[in-house]
């Protein structure tokens, strides 16, 4: 769960633009006014880890962060990344090895706007 602030809500584009810290994201349309703060949720299965800022892709969201830890659990690698809050990405151990992922590295957590779950408003 990440707390975000709505910047713009556009039904015709079917997305809302939000700020998470200083980073702008696109989330599914949520019919909330600018300035409203909401929680959004991301599943570890929906996050792709990249070593570089992506280009030429249809996805709209890339949160930059630093790896805290990489752990193998049940045949999958869980990559814990501090993006201002700790999030987890589930990838294959082969992908983690190919990328040489380790604690302390800067990475990008990539995810599609429509893989986000919009939660309740913050008080």
C-alpha atoms as a PDB file:
ATOM      1  CA  UNK A   1       0.000   0.000   0.000  1.00  0.00           C
ATOM      2  CA  UNK A   2       1.300   3.425  -0.961  1.00  0.00           C
ATOM      3  CA  UNK A   3      -0.225   6.796  -0.022  1.00  0.00           C
ATOM      4  CA  UNK A   4      -0.659   9.051  -3.065  1.00  0.00           C
ATOM      5  CA  UNK A   5      -2.164  12.455  -3.826  1.00  0.00           C
ATOM      6  CA  UNK A   6      -4.470  12.940  -6.817  1.00  0.00           C
ATOM      7  CA  UNK A   7      -3.212  15.581  -9.276  1.00  0.00           C
ATOM      8  CA  UNK A   8      -5.722  15.104 -12.075  1.00  0.00           C
ATOM      9  CA  UNK A   9      -8.701  12.843 -12.683  1.00  0.00           C
ATOM     10  CA  UNK A  10      -9.546  12.238 -16.344  1.00  0.00           C
ATOM     11  CA  UNK A  11     -12.494   9.939 -17.132  1.00  0.00           C
ATOM     12  CA  UNK A  12     -11.939  10.309 -20.896  1.00  0.00           C
ATOM     13  CA  UNK A  13      -8.404   8.856 -20.505  1.00  0.00           C
ATOM     14  CA  UNK A  14      -9.593   6.341 -17.859  1.00  0.00           C
ATOM     15  CA  UNK A  15      -6.709   7.235 -15.524  1.00  0.00           C
ATOM     16  CA  UNK A  16      -5.845   9.533 -12.652  1.00  0.00           C
ATOM     17  CA  UNK A  17      -2.458  11.159 -12.294  1.00  0.00           C
ATOM     18  CA  UNK A  18      -1.088  11.057  -8.745  1.00  0.00           C
ATOM     19  CA  UNK A  19       2.050  11.980  -6.834  1.00  0.00           C
ATOM     20  CA  UNK A  20       3.869   9.506  -4.636  1.00  0.00           C
ATOM     21  CA  UNK A  21       6.488  11.725  -3.008  1.00  0.00           C
ATOM     22  CA  UNK A  22       8.120  13.524  -5.943  1.00  0.00           C
ATOM     23  CA  UNK A  23       7.306  10.791  -8.466  1.00  0.00           C
ATOM     24  CA  UNK A  24       4.242  10.974 -10.716  1.00  0.00           C
ATOM     25  CA  UNK A  25       2.191   7.845 -11.416  1.00  0.00           C
ATOM     26  CA  UNK A  26      -0.888   6.941 -13.412  1.00  0.00           C
ATOM     27  CA  UNK A  27      -3.567   4.851 -11.716  1.00  0.00           C
ATOM     28  CA  UNK A  28      -6.998   3.617 -12.852  1.00  0.00           C
ATOM     29  CA  UNK A  29      -9.668   6.319 -12.939  1.00  0.00           C
ATOM     30  CA  UNK A  30     -10.922   6.862  -9.380  1.00  0.00           C
ATOM     31  CA  UNK A  31     -13.274   9.880  -9.591  1.00  0.00           C
ATOM     32  CA  UNK A  32     -11.546  11.750  -6.796  1.00  0.00           C
ATOM     33  CA  UNK A  33     -10.758  15.492  -6.862  1.00  0.00           C
ATOM     34  CA  UNK A  34      -7.247  16.963  -7.071  1.00  0.00           C
ATOM     35  CA  UNK A  35      -5.655  17.158  -3.623  1.00  0.00           C
ATOM     36  CA  UNK A  36      -7.455  14.050  -2.390  1.00  0.00           C
ATOM     37  CA  UNK A  37      -5.125  11.474  -0.820  1.00  0.00           C
ATOM     38  CA  UNK A  38      -5.771   7.752  -1.312  1.00  0.00           C
ATOM     39  CA  UNK A  39      -4.012   4.457  -0.792  1.00  0.00           C
ATOM     40  CA  UNK A  40      -3.014   2.384  -3.811  1.00  0.00           C
ATOM     41  CA  UNK A  41      -2.019  -1.264  -3.737  1.00  0.00           C
ATOM     42  CA  UNK A  42       0.510  -3.176  -5.825  1.00  0.00           C
ATOM     43  CA  UNK A  43       0.969  -6.945  -5.862  1.00  0.00           C
ATOM     44  CA  UNK A  44       4.528  -8.277  -5.854  1.00  0.00           C
ATOM     45  CA  UNK A  45       3.597 -10.371  -8.930  1.00  0.00           C
ATOM     46  CA  UNK A  46       2.744  -7.203 -10.904  1.00  0.00           C
ATOM     47  CA  UNK A  47       6.097  -5.433 -10.445  1.00  0.00           C
ATOM     48  CA  UNK A  48       8.965  -5.736 -12.924  1.00  0.00           C
ATOM     49  CA  UNK A  49      12.471  -4.755 -11.824  1.00  0.00           C
ATOM     50  CA  UNK A  50      14.654  -2.758 -14.229  1.00  0.00           C
ATOM     51  CA  UNK A  51      18.222  -1.529 -13.817  1.00  0.00           C
ATOM     52  CA  UNK A  52      17.579   1.471 -16.100  1.00  0.00           C
ATOM     53  CA  UNK A  53      14.788   3.965 -16.728  1.00  0.00           C
ATOM     54  CA  UNK A  54      12.556   2.235 -19.309  1.00  0.00           C
ATOM     55  CA  UNK A  55      11.967   3.662 -22.782  1.00  0.00           C
ATOM     56  CA  UNK A  56       9.688   2.611 -25.617  1.00  0.00           C
ATOM     57  CA  UNK A  57       7.231   0.667 -23.449  1.00  0.00           C
ATOM     58  CA  UNK A  58       3.488   0.990 -23.004  1.00  0.00           C
ATOM     59  CA  UNK A  59       3.676   0.909 -19.216  1.00  0.00           C
ATOM     60  CA  UNK A  60       3.305   4.274 -17.508  1.00  0.00           C
ATOM     61  CA  UNK A  61       4.829   3.791 -14.076  1.00  0.00           C
ATOM     62  CA  UNK A  62       8.450   3.493 -12.964  1.00  0.00           C
ATOM     63  CA  UNK A  63       9.194   4.115  -9.297  1.00  0.00           C
ATOM     64  CA  UNK A  64      12.884   4.616  -8.617  1.00  0.00           C
ATOM     65  CA  UNK A  65      14.252   3.092  -5.439  1.00  0.00           C
ATOM     66  CA  UNK A  66      17.075   1.248  -3.709  1.00  0.00           C
ATOM     67  CA  UNK A  67      17.151  -2.501  -3.049  1.00  0.00           C
ATOM     68  CA  UNK A  68      17.036  -3.379   0.655  1.00  0.00           C
ATOM     69  CA  UNK A  69      17.252  -7.144   0.263  1.00  0.00           C
ATOM     70  CA  UNK A  70      16.881 -10.047  -2.152  1.00  0.00           C
ATOM     71  CA  UNK A  71      15.531 -13.281  -0.646  1.00  0.00           C
ATOM     72  CA  UNK A  72      14.684 -16.639  -2.228  1.00  0.00           C
ATOM     73  CA  UNK A  73      11.362 -18.022  -0.961  1.00  0.00           C
ATOM     74  CA  UNK A  74       9.611 -21.051  -2.449  1.00  0.00           C
ATOM     75  CA  UNK A  75      11.601 -20.953  -5.682  1.00  0.00           C
ATOM     76  CA  UNK A  76      10.976 -17.231  -6.275  1.00  0.00           C
ATOM     77  CA  UNK A  77      13.169 -14.227  -5.530  1.00  0.00           C
ATOM     78  CA  UNK A  78      11.564 -11.480  -3.497  1.00  0.00           C
ATOM     79  CA  UNK A  79      13.247  -8.153  -4.146  1.00  0.00           C
ATOM     80  CA  UNK A  80      12.518  -5.600  -1.416  1.00  0.00           C
ATOM     81  CA  UNK A  81      12.890  -2.035  -2.658  1.00  0.00           C
ATOM     82  CA  UNK A  82      12.704   1.243  -0.746  1.00  0.00           C
ATOM     83  CA  UNK A  83      10.819   3.709  -2.959  1.00  0.00           C
ATOM     84  CA  UNK A  84       9.885   5.907  -0.003  1.00  0.00           C
ATOM     85  CA  UNK A  85       7.976   2.922   1.388  1.00  0.00           C
ATOM     86  CA  UNK A  86       9.133  -0.676   1.228  1.00  0.00           C
ATOM     87  CA  UNK A  87       7.618  -2.676  -1.631  1.00  0.00           C
ATOM     88  CA  UNK A  88       8.319  -6.213  -2.836  1.00  0.00           C
ATOM     89  CA  UNK A  89       8.681  -7.573  -6.347  1.00  0.00           C
ATOM     90  CA  UNK A  90       8.478 -11.305  -7.079  1.00  0.00           C
ATOM     91  CA  UNK A  91      10.821 -12.426  -9.874  1.00  0.00           C
ATOM     92  CA  UNK A  92      12.605 -15.626 -10.853  1.00  0.00           C
ATOM     93  CA  UNK A  93      15.982 -16.385  -9.252  1.00  0.00           C
ATOM     94  CA  UNK A  94      17.380 -16.572 -12.798  1.00  0.00           C
ATOM     95  CA  UNK A  95      16.282 -12.978 -13.500  1.00  0.00           C
ATOM     96  CA  UNK A  96      17.740 -11.787 -10.182  1.00  0.00           C
ATOM     97  CA  UNK A  97      21.070 -13.466 -11.033  1.00  0.00           C
ATOM     98  CA  UNK A  98      21.153 -12.125 -14.623  1.00  0.00           C
ATOM     99  CA  UNK A  99      20.526  -8.586 -13.362  1.00  0.00           C
ATOM    100  CA  UNK A 100      23.058  -9.052 -10.544  1.00  0.00           C
ATOM    101  CA  UNK A 101      20.547  -7.690  -8.017  1.00  0.00           C
ATOM    102  CA  UNK A 102      21.924  -6.945  -4.554  1.00  0.00           C
ATOM    103  CA  UNK A 103      21.222  -4.727  -1.575  1.00  0.00           C
ATOM    104  CA  UNK A 104      22.128  -1.082  -2.130  1.00  0.00           C
ATOM    105  CA  UNK A 105      21.536  -0.980  -5.892  1.00  0.00           C
ATOM    106  CA  UNK A 106      19.314   1.636  -7.539  1.00  0.00           C
ATOM    107  CA  UNK A 107      16.504   0.058  -9.583  1.00  0.00           C
ATOM    108  CA  UNK A 108      13.185   0.933 -11.172  1.00  0.00           C
ATOM    109  CA  UNK A 109       9.970  -0.808 -10.145  1.00  0.00           C
ATOM    110  CA  UNK A 110       7.828  -0.966 -13.283  1.00  0.00           C
ATOM    111  CA  UNK A 111       4.080  -1.592 -13.355  1.00  0.00           C
ATOM    112  CA  UNK A 112       1.060  -0.930 -15.543  1.00  0.00           C
ATOM    113  CA  UNK A 113      -1.504   1.646 -14.456  1.00  0.00           C
ATOM    114  CA  UNK A 114      -4.293  -0.921 -14.534  1.00  0.00           C
ATOM    115  CA  UNK A 115      -2.453  -3.387 -12.282  1.00  0.00           C
ATOM    116  CA  UNK A 116      -2.945  -0.910  -9.394  1.00  0.00           C
ATOM    117  CA  UNK A 117      -5.773  -1.326  -6.917  1.00  0.00           C
ATOM    118  CA  UNK A 118      -7.224   1.976  -5.689  1.00  0.00           C
ATOM    119  CA  UNK A 119      -8.053   1.873  -1.999  1.00  0.00           C
ATOM    120  CA  UNK A 120      -9.705   4.146   0.517  1.00  0.00           C
ATOM    121  CA  UNK A 121      -9.102   7.839   1.036  1.00  0.00           C
ATOM    122  CA  UNK A 122      -6.613   8.934   3.680  1.00  0.00           C
ATOM    123  CA  UNK A 123      -7.864  11.069   6.544  1.00  0.00           C
END
